[in-house]
Amino acid sequence: MFKRIVVPLDGSRLSAQSLPHAVALARQFNSEVMLVRVLSRTNDSFLKPGGSGGRVVADIVGAQAHAREIENSAHAKRYLMNWARGLRDQGINVSCNVLEGMPVPSIMEFARENNASLIVMMSHGRGRSKPAELGSVTDAIVRGGTIPVLVVHAKTVNQPQPNATE
């Protein structure tokens, strides 16, 4: 039933609370778990060369921003690989995917392109009386997507931890 399960992780402990639910489904349906982390690109369009040295400053700042993007991408890959290692140790087929762009369209496009059967995400869980408070990314994916979404409500007990240091 669920061949591919997309699990977006934003680096927070809260987002990782969705993993046990994805793992349970993956075991039941022999599914692949596709871990996803979305990084937004640095917007350096505000740098407009003007006056003497403007282009040099823009080039330096642009190079620094590019170096930060490479570093952030490497960190995101390590983060996902740490979670993947723990899931593989549990016998789960898992892949790691670092995407670049805005979270909602990136996750939805990735899920569509990879024929995902399900997306498993966390809610913010800010109160029992406010079911509409899912979080902007979760809410947008639930409302705007065509792929089923399992929304896991935030818990306050035993947050999962990867096997290695993030």
N, C-alpha and C. Protein backbone atom coordinates (compact mmCIF):
# COMPACT_ATOMS: atom_id res chain seq x y z
N MET A 1 0.81 -1.20 0.00
CA MET A 1 0.00 0.00 0.00
C MET A 1 0.85 1.26 0.00
N PHE A 2 1.81 1.34 0.91
CA PHE A 2 2.70 2.51 0.97
C PHE A 2 4.08 2.06 0.52
N LYS A 3 4.39 2.29 -0.74
CA LYS A 3 5.67 1.84 -1.30
C LYS A 3 6.82 2.78 -0.92
N ARG A 4 6.56 4.08 -0.98
CA ARG A 4 7.57 5.08 -0.64
C ARG A 4 6.97 6.10 0.33
N ILE A 5 7.64 6.28 1.45
CA ILE A 5 7.18 7.19 2.49
C ILE A 5 8.18 8.34 2.63
N VAL A 6 7.74 9.54 2.36
CA VAL A 6 8.59 10.73 2.49
C VAL A 6 8.46 11.28 3.91
N VAL A 7 9.60 11.53 4.54
CA VAL A 7 9.62 12.07 5.89
C VAL A 7 10.49 13.34 5.89
N PRO A 8 9.85 14.52 5.84
CA PRO A 8 10.61 15.77 5.90
C PRO A 8 11.14 16.01 7.32
N LEU A 9 12.41 16.30 7.42
CA LEU A 9 13.04 16.62 8.70
C LEU A 9 13.68 18.00 8.57
N ASP A 10 13.39 18.87 9.52
CA ASP A 10 13.93 20.23 9.44
C ASP A 10 15.10 20.46 10.38
N GLY A 11 15.57 19.41 11.02
CA GLY A 11 16.68 19.54 11.94
C GLY A 11 16.26 19.67 13.39
N SER A 12 14.95 19.80 13.62
CA SER A 12 14.47 19.93 15.00
C SER A 12 14.15 18.56 15.58
N ARG A 13 14.17 18.50 16.90
CA ARG A 13 13.78 17.25 17.57
C ARG A 13 12.31 16.95 17.31
N LEU A 14 11.51 18.00 17.21
CA LEU A 14 10.09 17.80 16.96
C LEU A 14 9.85 17.08 15.64
N SER A 15 10.50 17.51 14.59
CA SER A 15 10.25 16.86 13.29
C SER A 15 10.66 15.39 13.32
N ALA A 16 11.67 15.06 14.08
CA ALA A 16 12.15 13.67 14.16
C ALA A 16 11.18 12.76 14.89
N GLN A 17 10.22 13.33 15.61
CA GLN A 17 9.23 12.49 16.30
C GLN A 17 8.32 11.75 15.33
N SER A 18 8.34 12.13 14.07
CA SER A 18 7.54 11.43 13.07
C SER A 18 8.18 10.11 12.64
N LEU A 19 9.46 9.94 12.89
CA LEU A 19 10.17 8.76 12.42
C LEU A 19 9.63 7.42 12.93
N PRO A 20 9.32 7.27 14.21
CA PRO A 20 8.79 5.98 14.64
C PRO A 20 7.51 5.57 13.90
N HIS A 21 6.70 6.54 13.55
CA HIS A 21 5.46 6.26 12.83
C HIS A 21 5.76 5.83 11.40
N ALA A 22 6.70 6.51 10.76
CA ALA A 22 7.11 6.13 9.41
C ALA A 22 7.75 4.74 9.42
N VAL A 23 8.55 4.45 10.43
CA VAL A 23 9.21 3.15 10.54
C VAL A 23 8.17 2.04 10.72
N ALA A 24 7.19 2.27 11.57
CA ALA A 24 6.15 1.25 11.78
C ALA A 24 5.43 0.94 10.47
N LEU A 25 5.10 1.96 9.71
CA LEU A 25 4.44 1.75 8.42
C LEU A 25 5.38 1.07 7.43
N ALA A 26 6.65 1.47 7.43
CA ALA A 26 7.62 0.87 6.51
C ALA A 26 7.78 -0.62 6.79
N ARG A 27 7.79 -0.98 8.06
CA ARG A 27 7.88 -2.40 8.41
C ARG A 27 6.64 -3.17 7.94
N GLN A 28 5.50 -2.59 8.20
CA GLN A 28 4.24 -3.26 7.86
C GLN A 28 4.09 -3.45 6.35
N PHE A 29 4.51 -2.45 5.56
CA PHE A 29 4.27 -2.50 4.13
C PHE A 29 5.55 -2.70 3.31
N ASN A 30 6.67 -2.98 4.00
CA ASN A 30 7.96 -3.16 3.33
C ASN A 30 8.27 -1.96 2.43
N SER A 31 8.13 -0.77 2.99
CA SER A 31 8.27 0.49 2.26
C SER A 31 9.69 1.04 2.36
N GLU A 32 10.00 1.90 1.41
CA GLU A 32 11.21 2.69 1.49
C GLU A 32 10.87 3.99 2.22
N VAL A 33 11.73 4.39 3.15
CA VAL A 33 11.58 5.67 3.84
C VAL A 33 12.55 6.64 3.18
N MET A 34 12.01 7.74 2.71
CA MET A 34 12.82 8.75 2.02
C MET A 34 12.93 9.99 2.91
N LEU A 35 14.06 10.11 3.58
CA LEU A 35 14.29 11.26 4.46
C LEU A 35 14.62 12.48 3.59
N VAL A 36 14.00 13.61 3.93
CA VAL A 36 14.16 14.82 3.14
C VAL A 36 14.48 15.99 4.06
N ARG A 37 15.45 16.79 3.64
CA ARG A 37 15.77 18.04 4.33
C ARG A 37 15.83 19.12 3.26
N VAL A 38 15.12 20.22 3.47
CA VAL A 38 15.07 21.30 2.49
C VAL A 38 15.89 22.48 3.01
N LEU A 39 16.80 22.93 2.18
CA LEU A 39 17.61 24.10 2.51
C LEU A 39 17.22 25.23 1.58
N SER A 40 17.05 26.41 2.14
CA SER A 40 16.74 27.55 1.28
C SER A 40 18.04 28.16 0.79
N ARG A 41 18.01 28.62 -0.42
CA ARG A 41 19.19 29.23 -1.05
C ARG A 41 19.36 30.65 -0.53
N THR A 42 20.61 31.05 -0.33
CA THR A 42 20.91 32.41 0.10
C THR A 42 20.51 33.36 -1.01
N ASN A 43 19.79 34.39 -0.64
CA ASN A 43 19.38 35.38 -1.62
C ASN A 43 20.32 36.57 -1.53
N ASP A 44 21.25 36.62 -2.49
CA ASP A 44 22.19 37.74 -2.48
C ASP A 44 21.82 38.80 -3.50
N SER A 45 20.57 38.82 -3.92
CA SER A 45 20.13 39.80 -4.92
C SER A 45 20.14 41.22 -4.36
N PHE A 46 20.22 41.35 -3.05
CA PHE A 46 20.27 42.69 -2.45
C PHE A 46 21.62 43.35 -2.71
N LEU A 47 22.61 42.58 -3.15
CA LEU A 47 23.93 43.13 -3.41
C LEU A 47 23.96 43.72 -4.81
N LYS A 48 23.93 45.00 -4.88
CA LYS A 48 23.99 45.68 -6.18
C LYS A 48 25.26 46.50 -6.20
N PRO A 49 26.16 46.13 -7.09
CA PRO A 49 27.41 46.88 -7.14
C PRO A 49 27.14 48.35 -7.45
N GLY A 50 27.78 49.18 -6.71
CA GLY A 50 27.64 50.62 -6.95
C GLY A 50 28.83 51.32 -6.36
N GLY A 51 29.35 52.27 -7.10
CA GLY A 51 30.50 53.00 -6.58
C GLY A 51 31.75 52.15 -6.67
N SER A 52 32.84 52.70 -6.19
CA SER A 52 34.11 51.99 -6.27
C SER A 52 34.13 50.86 -5.26
N GLY A 53 34.60 49.73 -5.70
CA GLY A 53 34.70 48.57 -4.82
C GLY A 53 33.41 47.82 -4.63
N GLY A 54 32.28 48.30 -5.17
CA GLY A 54 31.00 47.62 -4.99
C GLY A 54 30.99 46.21 -5.55
N ARG A 55 31.57 46.03 -6.70
CA ARG A 55 31.60 44.71 -7.33
C ARG A 55 32.47 43.76 -6.52
N VAL A 56 33.60 44.27 -6.00
CA VAL A 56 34.50 43.45 -5.20
C VAL A 56 33.79 42.98 -3.94
N VAL A 57 33.10 43.89 -3.28
CA VAL A 57 32.35 43.53 -2.07
C VAL A 57 31.29 42.50 -2.40
N ALA A 58 30.56 42.72 -3.48
CA ALA A 58 29.52 41.78 -3.89
C ALA A 58 30.12 40.41 -4.17
N ASP A 59 31.27 40.36 -4.83
CA ASP A 59 31.93 39.08 -5.13
C ASP A 59 32.36 38.37 -3.86
N ILE A 60 32.91 39.11 -2.92
CA ILE A 60 33.36 38.51 -1.65
C ILE A 60 32.17 37.97 -0.87
N VAL A 61 31.14 38.79 -0.73
CA VAL A 61 29.96 38.36 0.02
C VAL A 61 29.31 37.16 -0.68
N GLY A 62 29.26 37.21 -2.01
CA GLY A 62 28.69 36.10 -2.76
C GLY A 62 29.47 34.81 -2.56
N ALA A 63 30.79 34.91 -2.55
CA ALA A 63 31.63 33.73 -2.32
C ALA A 63 31.43 33.18 -0.92
N GLN A 64 31.29 34.07 0.06
CA GLN A 64 31.06 33.63 1.44
C GLN A 64 29.70 32.93 1.55
N ALA A 65 28.70 33.49 0.88
CA ALA A 65 27.36 32.88 0.91
C ALA A 65 27.40 31.51 0.26
N HIS A 66 28.13 31.38 -0.84
CA HIS A 66 28.24 30.09 -1.51
C HIS A 66 28.93 29.06 -0.60
N ALA A 67 29.97 29.49 0.09
CA ALA A 67 30.68 28.59 1.02
C ALA A 67 29.76 28.15 2.15
N ARG A 68 28.92 29.07 2.66
CA ARG A 68 27.95 28.71 3.70
C ARG A 68 26.94 27.70 3.18
N GLU A 69 26.50 27.89 1.93
CA GLU A 69 25.54 26.95 1.34
C GLU A 69 26.14 25.55 1.24
N ILE A 70 27.40 25.46 0.84
CA ILE A 70 28.08 24.16 0.74
C ILE A 70 28.18 23.53 2.12
N GLU A 71 28.56 24.33 3.11
CA GLU A 71 28.67 23.84 4.48
C GLU A 71 27.31 23.38 5.02
N ASN A 72 26.27 24.17 4.78
CA ASN A 72 24.93 23.80 5.23
C ASN A 72 24.45 22.52 4.56
N SER A 73 24.75 22.37 3.28
CA SER A 73 24.35 21.17 2.55
C SER A 73 25.06 19.93 3.12
N ALA A 74 26.35 20.08 3.40
CA ALA A 74 27.10 18.96 3.98
C ALA A 74 26.56 18.60 5.36
N HIS A 75 26.24 19.61 6.16
CA HIS A 75 25.68 19.37 7.49
C HIS A 75 24.33 18.66 7.38
N ALA A 76 23.49 19.11 6.44
CA ALA A 76 22.17 18.49 6.26
C ALA A 76 22.31 17.04 5.82
N LYS A 77 23.26 16.76 4.95
CA LYS A 77 23.49 15.38 4.49
C LYS A 77 23.95 14.50 5.66
N ARG A 78 24.88 15.01 6.47
CA ARG A 78 25.34 14.25 7.64
C ARG A 78 24.18 13.99 8.61
N TYR A 79 23.37 15.02 8.83
CA TYR A 79 22.20 14.90 9.71
C TYR A 79 21.28 13.76 9.24
N LEU A 80 20.95 13.78 7.96
CA LEU A 80 20.08 12.73 7.42
C LEU A 80 20.75 11.36 7.45
N MET A 81 22.04 11.31 7.16
CA MET A 81 22.76 10.04 7.16
C MET A 81 22.81 9.43 8.56
N ASN A 82 22.89 10.27 9.58
CA ASN A 82 22.86 9.76 10.96
C ASN A 82 21.53 9.09 11.26
N TRP A 83 20.43 9.72 10.86
CA TRP A 83 19.12 9.10 11.05
C TRP A 83 19.01 7.83 10.21
N ALA A 84 19.48 7.90 8.97
CA ALA A 84 19.39 6.75 8.07
C ALA A 84 20.15 5.55 8.62
N ARG A 85 21.30 5.80 9.20
CA ARG A 85 22.09 4.70 9.78
C ARG A 85 21.27 3.96 10.84
N GLY A 86 20.62 4.71 11.71
CA GLY A 86 19.80 4.08 12.75
C GLY A 86 18.63 3.30 12.17
N LEU A 87 18.02 3.83 11.11
CA LEU A 87 16.90 3.13 10.47
C LEU A 87 17.38 1.87 9.75
N ARG A 88 18.52 1.96 9.09
CA ARG A 88 19.07 0.77 8.41
C ARG A 88 19.39 -0.32 9.43
N ASP A 89 19.90 0.09 10.60
CA ASP A 89 20.18 -0.88 11.66
C ASP A 89 18.91 -1.61 12.10
N GLN A 90 17.76 -0.98 11.87
CA GLN A 90 16.47 -1.59 12.20
C GLN A 90 15.89 -2.36 11.02
N GLY A 91 16.65 -2.46 9.92
CA GLY A 91 16.21 -3.20 8.76
C GLY A 91 15.33 -2.41 7.80
N ILE A 92 15.35 -1.09 7.90
CA ILE A 92 14.51 -0.26 7.05
C ILE A 92 15.30 0.18 5.81
N ASN A 93 14.67 0.11 4.64
CA ASN A 93 15.24 0.62 3.40
C ASN A 93 15.05 2.14 3.42
N VAL A 94 16.14 2.89 3.40
CA VAL A 94 16.05 4.34 3.59
C VAL A 94 16.98 5.07 2.62
N SER A 95 16.54 6.24 2.19
CA SER A 95 17.39 7.11 1.37
C SER A 95 17.41 8.50 1.99
N CYS A 96 18.46 9.26 1.66
CA CYS A 96 18.64 10.62 2.17
C CYS A 96 18.61 11.59 1.00
N ASN A 97 17.87 12.67 1.16
CA ASN A 97 17.69 13.62 0.07
C ASN A 97 17.73 15.04 0.59
N VAL A 98 18.75 15.80 0.20
CA VAL A 98 18.84 17.21 0.55
C VAL A 98 18.35 17.99 -0.66
N LEU A 99 17.32 18.80 -0.43
CA LEU A 99 16.71 19.60 -1.49
C LEU A 99 17.03 21.07 -1.27
N GLU A 100 16.94 21.84 -2.33
CA GLU A 100 17.18 23.27 -2.23
C GLU A 100 15.95 24.01 -2.72
N GLY A 101 15.48 24.96 -1.92
CA GLY A 101 14.32 25.75 -2.32
C GLY A 101 13.43 26.06 -1.14
N MET A 102 12.20 26.40 -1.44
CA MET A 102 11.21 26.66 -0.41
C MET A 102 10.65 25.31 0.06
N PRO A 103 10.43 25.13 1.37
CA PRO A 103 10.03 23.82 1.87
C PRO A 103 8.79 23.21 1.22
N VAL A 104 7.70 23.94 1.17
CA VAL A 104 6.44 23.35 0.69
C VAL A 104 6.54 22.88 -0.76
N PRO A 105 6.88 23.76 -1.70
CA PRO A 105 6.94 23.26 -3.09
C PRO A 105 8.03 22.21 -3.29
N SER A 106 9.14 22.32 -2.56
CA SER A 106 10.22 21.34 -2.71
C SER A 106 9.78 19.95 -2.25
N ILE A 107 9.13 19.89 -1.10
CA ILE A 107 8.66 18.60 -0.58
C ILE A 107 7.59 18.02 -1.50
N MET A 108 6.65 18.85 -1.90
CA MET A 108 5.56 18.35 -2.76
C MET A 108 6.09 17.86 -4.11
N GLU A 109 7.00 18.61 -4.71
CA GLU A 109 7.57 18.20 -5.99
C GLU A 109 8.38 16.92 -5.84
N PHE A 110 9.19 16.83 -4.78
CA PHE A 110 9.97 15.63 -4.54
C PHE A 110 9.06 14.41 -4.39
N ALA A 111 8.01 14.56 -3.60
CA ALA A 111 7.08 13.45 -3.38
C ALA A 111 6.42 13.02 -4.69
N ARG A 112 6.00 13.98 -5.49
CA ARG A 112 5.38 13.66 -6.79
C ARG A 112 6.37 12.96 -7.72
N GLU A 113 7.56 13.55 -7.86
CA GLU A 113 8.56 13.01 -8.78
C GLU A 113 9.02 11.61 -8.39
N ASN A 114 8.97 11.29 -7.11
CA ASN A 114 9.42 9.99 -6.63
C ASN A 114 8.27 9.03 -6.36
N ASN A 115 7.09 9.37 -6.84
CA ASN A 115 5.91 8.51 -6.68
C ASN A 115 5.69 8.09 -5.24
N ALA A 116 5.79 9.05 -4.33
CA ALA A 116 5.58 8.76 -2.92
C ALA A 116 4.13 8.35 -2.69
N SER A 117 3.95 7.42 -1.79
CA SER A 117 2.61 6.95 -1.42
C SER A 117 2.07 7.69 -0.21
N LEU A 118 3.00 8.27 0.58
CA LEU A 118 2.61 8.90 1.84
C LEU A 118 3.69 9.87 2.26
N ILE A 119 3.27 10.96 2.90
CA ILE A 119 4.19 11.89 3.55
C ILE A 119 3.86 11.84 5.04
N VAL A 120 4.87 11.66 5.87
CA VAL A 120 4.68 11.62 7.32
C VAL A 120 5.35 12.84 7.92
N MET A 121 4.55 13.68 8.60
CA MET A 121 5.05 14.94 9.15
C MET A 121 4.51 15.19 10.55
N MET A 122 5.17 16.09 11.24
CA MET A 122 4.74 16.50 12.58
C MET A 122 3.85 17.73 12.52
N SER A 123 2.97 17.83 13.50
CA SER A 123 2.25 19.08 13.74
C SER A 123 3.03 19.83 14.81
N HIS A 124 2.66 21.06 15.04
CA HIS A 124 3.30 21.80 16.13
C HIS A 124 2.77 21.36 17.48
N GLY A 125 1.53 20.90 17.52
CA GLY A 125 0.95 20.42 18.76
C GLY A 125 0.88 21.47 19.84
N ARG A 126 0.38 22.64 19.51
CA ARG A 126 0.37 23.73 20.48
C ARG A 126 -0.87 23.75 21.36
N GLY A 127 -1.61 22.71 21.33
CA GLY A 127 -2.77 22.69 22.21
C GLY A 127 -3.83 21.77 21.67
N ARG A 128 -4.55 21.15 22.57
CA ARG A 128 -5.58 20.20 22.16
C ARG A 128 -6.78 20.90 21.54
N SER A 129 -7.02 22.13 21.92
CA SER A 129 -8.22 22.81 21.43
C SER A 129 -7.98 23.55 20.12
N LYS A 130 -6.79 23.47 19.57
CA LYS A 130 -6.49 24.19 18.33
C LYS A 130 -5.99 23.23 17.26
N PRO A 131 -6.86 22.40 16.72
CA PRO A 131 -6.42 21.43 15.73
C PRO A 131 -5.91 22.07 14.45
N ALA A 132 -6.26 23.32 14.18
CA ALA A 132 -5.82 23.98 12.96
C ALA A 132 -4.35 24.38 13.01
N GLU A 133 -3.75 24.35 14.18
CA GLU A 133 -2.35 24.76 14.31
C GLU A 133 -1.42 23.61 13.97
N LEU A 134 -1.29 23.34 12.69
CA LEU A 134 -0.42 22.26 12.25
C LEU A 134 1.01 22.73 12.05
N GLY A 135 1.19 23.98 11.77
CA GLY A 135 2.46 24.50 11.33
C GLY A 135 2.29 24.84 9.86
N SER A 136 2.92 25.89 9.43
CA SER A 136 2.66 26.40 8.08
C SER A 136 3.05 25.41 6.99
N VAL A 137 4.17 24.72 7.14
CA VAL A 137 4.60 23.76 6.11
C VAL A 137 3.65 22.57 6.08
N THR A 138 3.38 21.99 7.24
CA THR A 138 2.47 20.84 7.30
C THR A 138 1.10 21.22 6.77
N ASP A 139 0.58 22.34 7.20
CA ASP A 139 -0.74 22.79 6.76
C ASP A 139 -0.79 22.96 5.25
N ALA A 140 0.22 23.58 4.68
CA ALA A 140 0.23 23.81 3.23
C ALA A 140 0.32 22.50 2.46
N ILE A 141 1.07 21.54 2.96
CA ILE A 141 1.19 20.25 2.27
C ILE A 141 -0.10 19.46 2.39
N VAL A 142 -0.74 19.50 3.56
CA VAL A 142 -2.03 18.82 3.73
C VAL A 142 -3.07 19.42 2.79
N ARG A 143 -3.12 20.73 2.73
CA ARG A 143 -4.16 21.40 1.94
C ARG A 143 -3.87 21.41 0.45
N GLY A 144 -2.60 21.46 0.07
CA GLY A 144 -2.28 21.66 -1.33
C GLY A 144 -1.81 20.45 -2.10
N GLY A 145 -1.61 19.35 -1.42
CA GLY A 145 -1.06 18.19 -2.10
C GLY A 145 -2.10 17.18 -2.52
N THR A 146 -1.66 16.24 -3.32
CA THR A 146 -2.52 15.14 -3.77
C THR A 146 -2.08 13.81 -3.16
N ILE A 147 -0.96 13.84 -2.45
CA ILE A 147 -0.44 12.63 -1.81
C ILE A 147 -0.93 12.61 -0.36
N PRO A 148 -1.39 11.45 0.11
CA PRO A 148 -1.85 11.38 1.50
C PRO A 148 -0.76 11.80 2.48
N VAL A 149 -1.18 12.46 3.56
CA VAL A 149 -0.27 12.95 4.58
C VAL A 149 -0.71 12.41 5.94
N LEU A 150 0.21 11.78 6.64
CA LEU A 150 -0.03 11.37 8.01
C LEU A 150 0.58 12.46 8.89
N VAL A 151 -0.28 13.15 9.65
CA VAL A 151 0.18 14.20 10.54
C VAL A 151 0.26 13.62 11.95
N VAL A 152 1.47 13.64 12.50
CA VAL A 152 1.71 13.12 13.83
C VAL A 152 1.69 14.30 14.79
N HIS A 153 0.85 14.22 15.81
CA HIS A 153 0.77 15.31 16.79
C HIS A 153 1.96 15.23 17.74
N ALA A 154 2.47 16.39 18.06
CA ALA A 154 3.67 16.48 18.90
C ALA A 154 3.46 15.77 20.23
N LYS A 155 4.51 15.13 20.67
CA LYS A 155 4.50 14.43 21.96
C LYS A 155 5.54 15.06 22.86
N THR A 156 5.41 14.79 24.12
CA THR A 156 6.40 15.32 25.06
C THR A 156 7.24 14.21 25.67
N VAL A 157 7.10 13.00 25.15
CA VAL A 157 7.85 11.87 25.73
C VAL A 157 8.83 11.30 24.72
N ASN A 158 9.95 10.86 25.21
CA ASN A 158 10.95 10.10 24.47
C ASN A 158 11.12 10.50 23.01
N GLN A 159 11.85 11.54 22.79
CA GLN A 159 12.14 11.95 21.42
C GLN A 159 13.24 11.05 20.86
N PRO A 160 13.09 10.59 19.61
CA PRO A 160 14.10 9.70 19.04
C PRO A 160 15.42 10.42 18.85
N GLN A 161 16.52 9.68 18.89
CA GLN A 161 17.84 10.23 18.71
C GLN A 161 18.57 9.40 17.64
N PRO A 162 19.38 10.05 16.79
CA PRO A 162 20.16 9.27 15.83
C PRO A 162 21.26 8.53 16.57
N ASN A 163 21.85 7.54 15.89
CA ASN A 163 22.92 6.76 16.51
C ASN A 163 24.19 7.55 16.72
N ALA A 164 24.47 8.48 15.82
CA ALA A 164 25.70 9.24 15.91
C ALA A 164 25.40 10.71 16.17
N THR A 165 26.42 11.43 16.49
CA THR A 165 26.26 12.87 16.76
C THR A 165 25.83 13.59 15.50
N GLU A 166 24.87 14.50 15.66
CA GLU A 166 24.40 15.29 14.53
C GLU A 166 25.48 16.20 14.17
